Amino acid sequence: MLEGKAVIGDTDMLQTMQQDALHLAAKALDFFDVTEATDIARFVK
């Protein structure tokens, strides 16, 4: 797993939804190379 710090800006999302988004983004970064932005975006969408 990549190590780093995720930052969520100002949002009106519920806290649980923010956590779900972070977990999904981390999972996408584990599956794909960081340079494969299109594949990561497709996975998250």
C-alpha atoms as a PDB file:
ATOM      1  CA  MET A   1       0.000   0.000   0.000  1.00  0.00           C
ATOM      2  CA  LEU A   2       1.203   3.490  -0.767  1.00  0.00           C
ATOM      3  CA  GLU A   3       2.085   5.617   2.184  1.00  0.00           C
ATOM      4  CA  GLY A   4       1.028   9.218   2.251  1.00  0.00           C
ATOM      5  CA  LYS A   5      -1.478  11.671   3.532  1.00  0.00           C
ATOM      6  CA  ALA A   6      -4.806  12.301   1.872  1.00  0.00           C
ATOM      7  CA  VAL A   7      -6.421  15.681   2.256  1.00  0.00           C
ATOM      8  CA  ILE A   8     -10.106  16.343   1.707  1.00  0.00           C
ATOM      9  CA  GLY A   9     -10.895  19.956   1.052  1.00  0.00           C
ATOM     10  CA  ASP A  10     -14.048  21.797   2.007  1.00  0.00           C
ATOM     11  CA  THR A  11     -16.996  19.569   1.187  1.00  0.00           C
ATOM     12  CA  ASP A  12     -20.585  18.955   2.143  1.00  0.00           C
ATOM     13  CA  MET A  13     -20.194  15.152   1.995  1.00  0.00           C
ATOM     14  CA  LEU A  14     -20.993  13.119   5.066  1.00  0.00           C
ATOM     15  CA  GLN A  15     -17.977  11.909   7.041  1.00  0.00           C
ATOM     16  CA  THR A  16     -18.740   8.282   6.147  1.00  0.00           C
ATOM     17  CA  MET A  17     -18.896   9.141   2.459  1.00  0.00           C
ATOM     18  CA  GLN A  18     -15.529  10.911   2.711  1.00  0.00           C
ATOM     19  CA  GLN A  19     -13.986   7.827   4.330  1.00  0.00           C
ATOM     20  CA  ASP A  20     -15.474   5.593   1.630  1.00  0.00           C
ATOM     21  CA  ALA A  21     -13.990   7.844  -1.054  1.00  0.00           C
ATOM     22  CA  LEU A  22     -10.556   7.690   0.585  1.00  0.00           C
ATOM     23  CA  HIS A  23     -10.672   3.900   0.864  1.00  0.00           C
ATOM     24  CA  LEU A  24     -11.729   3.550  -2.767  1.00  0.00           C
ATOM     25  CA  ALA A  25      -8.984   5.907  -3.950  1.00  0.00           C
ATOM     26  CA  ALA A  26      -6.373   3.983  -1.938  1.00  0.00           C
ATOM     27  CA  LYS A  27      -7.609   0.705  -3.414  1.00  0.00           C
ATOM     28  CA  ALA A  28      -7.379   2.144  -6.937  1.00  0.00           C
ATOM     29  CA  LEU A  29      -3.808   3.279  -6.292  1.00  0.00           C
ATOM     30  CA  ASP A  30      -2.934  -0.231  -5.095  1.00  0.00           C
ATOM     31  CA  PHE A  31      -4.381  -1.812  -8.253  1.00  0.00           C
ATOM     32  CA  PHE A  32      -2.957   0.598 -10.818  1.00  0.00           C
ATOM     33  CA  ASP A  33       0.304   2.413 -11.412  1.00  0.00           C
ATOM     34  CA  VAL A  34       0.129   6.060 -10.397  1.00  0.00           C
ATOM     35  CA  THR A  35       0.805   7.102 -14.001  1.00  0.00           C
ATOM     36  CA  GLU A  36      -2.344   5.289 -15.215  1.00  0.00           C
ATOM     37  CA  ALA A  37      -4.659   8.182 -14.366  1.00  0.00           C
ATOM     38  CA  THR A  38      -7.363   7.129 -16.832  1.00  0.00           C
ATOM     39  CA  ASP A  39      -7.542   3.610 -15.384  1.00  0.00           C
ATOM     40  CA  ILE A  40      -7.696   4.979 -11.845  1.00  0.00           C
ATOM     41  CA  ALA A  41     -10.487   7.399 -12.775  1.00  0.00           C
ATOM     42  CA  ARG A  42     -12.426   4.619 -14.503  1.00  0.00           C
ATOM     43  CA  PHE A  43     -12.082   2.400 -11.404  1.00  0.00           C
ATOM     44  CA  VAL A  44     -13.279   5.137  -9.046  1.00  0.00           C
ATOM     45  CA  LYS A  45     -16.181   6.107 -11.296  1.00  0.00           C
END
